Amino acid sequence: MHKASVDNNHRPIPLNIFEIEPDSGIDSIASLAIVFKKDAYLCMCSSLKFFSDPLGVNVLMQKNTGKEIKTNLGPYVFNGSNIYCSYFFN
């Protein structure tokens, strides 16, 4: 998923949009890796949250930036396939 512009999104969006083919023999996904472009970063005063539920209650990880610096985004690996994300900025 690639977004050219970003708006505040407080409702978590699902990151696993992979659909398993019925005849593939695969019945589940053990992990989900989130990888960003090399030059991707969070702007100042923004946050990126990852959750294990669609309501955004169980926070797995949160990445924040301050008022004076941008923060680069590295790859993240999560156990399980039901991962949701929300982001916001001031």
Protein backbone atom coordinates (compact mmCIF):
# COMPACT_ATOMS: atom_id res chain seq x y z
CA MET A 1 0.00 0.00 0.00
CA HIS A 2 1.45 3.37 -1.00
CA LYS A 3 -0.06 6.74 -0.14
CA ALA A 4 1.25 9.91 -1.73
CA SER A 5 -0.48 12.14 0.83
CA VAL A 6 -1.36 11.50 4.44
CA ASP A 7 -4.30 12.77 6.46
CA ASN A 8 -4.98 12.28 10.16
CA ASN A 9 -6.40 8.80 10.66
CA HIS A 10 -7.45 7.92 14.20
CA ARG A 11 -9.42 4.82 13.19
CA PRO A 12 -6.99 1.91 12.72
CA ILE A 13 -6.69 0.58 9.18
CA PRO A 14 -5.91 -3.10 8.52
CA LEU A 15 -2.44 -3.76 7.12
CA ASN A 16 -3.01 -7.40 6.18
CA ILE A 17 -5.10 -7.30 3.03
CA PHE A 18 -3.67 -10.61 1.84
CA GLU A 19 -6.32 -13.14 0.91
CA ILE A 20 -5.42 -16.81 1.12
CA GLU A 21 -6.49 -18.92 -1.84
CA PRO A 22 -8.77 -21.76 -0.68
CA ASP A 23 -6.77 -24.46 -2.53
CA SER A 24 -3.30 -23.18 -1.54
CA GLY A 25 -2.88 -25.38 1.56
CA ILE A 26 -2.03 -22.27 3.60
CA ASP A 27 -4.41 -21.68 6.50
CA SER A 28 -2.79 -18.80 8.36
CA ILE A 29 -0.06 -16.18 8.33
CA ALA A 30 2.44 -16.29 11.22
CA SER A 31 4.04 -12.83 10.89
CA LEU A 32 3.64 -9.54 9.11
CA ALA A 33 6.61 -7.39 8.02
CA ILE A 34 6.10 -3.67 7.40
CA VAL A 35 8.80 -2.13 5.21
CA PHE A 36 9.07 1.53 4.21
CA LYS A 37 10.95 3.20 1.39
CA LYS A 38 14.54 4.12 2.22
CA ASP A 39 13.77 7.84 2.42
CA ALA A 40 10.45 7.46 4.36
CA TYR A 41 10.16 9.37 7.61
CA LEU A 42 7.61 10.70 10.08
CA CYS A 43 7.21 14.48 9.96
CA MET A 44 7.69 16.56 13.04
CA CYS A 45 4.96 16.22 15.72
CA SER A 46 3.48 13.05 14.24
CA SER A 47 2.84 9.53 15.45
CA LEU A 48 2.37 6.08 13.98
CA LYS A 49 0.64 3.40 16.09
CA PHE A 50 0.31 -0.32 15.45
CA PHE A 51 -2.48 -2.36 17.08
CA SER A 52 -3.51 -6.01 17.30
CA ASP A 53 -7.23 -5.21 17.10
CA PRO A 54 -9.45 -3.14 14.77
CA LEU A 55 -10.69 -0.92 17.62
CA GLY A 56 -7.18 0.34 18.44
CA VAL A 57 -7.19 -0.82 22.07
CA ASN A 58 -4.19 -3.17 22.18
CA VAL A 59 -1.15 -1.10 21.18
CA LEU A 60 1.75 -3.19 19.89
CA MET A 61 4.09 -0.31 19.11
CA GLN A 62 4.04 3.47 18.82
CA LYS A 63 6.55 5.63 16.96
CA ASN A 64 6.52 9.37 17.79
CA THR A 65 8.48 12.37 16.61
CA GLY A 66 9.26 15.60 18.40
CA LYS A 67 8.97 19.23 17.39
CA GLU A 68 12.48 19.59 16.02
CA ILE A 69 13.45 16.41 14.18
CA LYS A 70 12.10 13.98 11.62
CA THR A 71 12.24 10.27 12.46
CA ASN A 72 13.24 7.64 9.91
CA LEU A 73 11.07 4.55 9.64
CA GLY A 74 12.77 1.21 9.78
CA PRO A 75 11.25 -2.17 9.01
CA TYR A 76 8.96 -3.64 11.66
CA VAL A 77 8.02 -7.29 12.13
CA PHE A 78 4.92 -8.30 14.06
CA ASN A 79 3.89 -11.77 15.22
CA GLY A 80 0.46 -12.58 13.86
CA SER A 81 -1.39 -11.40 10.81
CA ASN A 82 -4.06 -9.10 12.24
CA ILE A 83 -2.16 -5.82 12.48
CA TYR A 84 -3.80 -2.40 12.29
CA CYS A 85 -2.27 1.05 12.02
CA SER A 86 -3.27 4.65 12.74
CA TYR A 87 -1.36 7.89 12.30
CA PHE A 88 -1.76 11.54 13.16
CA PHE A 89 0.12 14.79 13.05
CA ASN A 90 -0.30 18.29 14.47
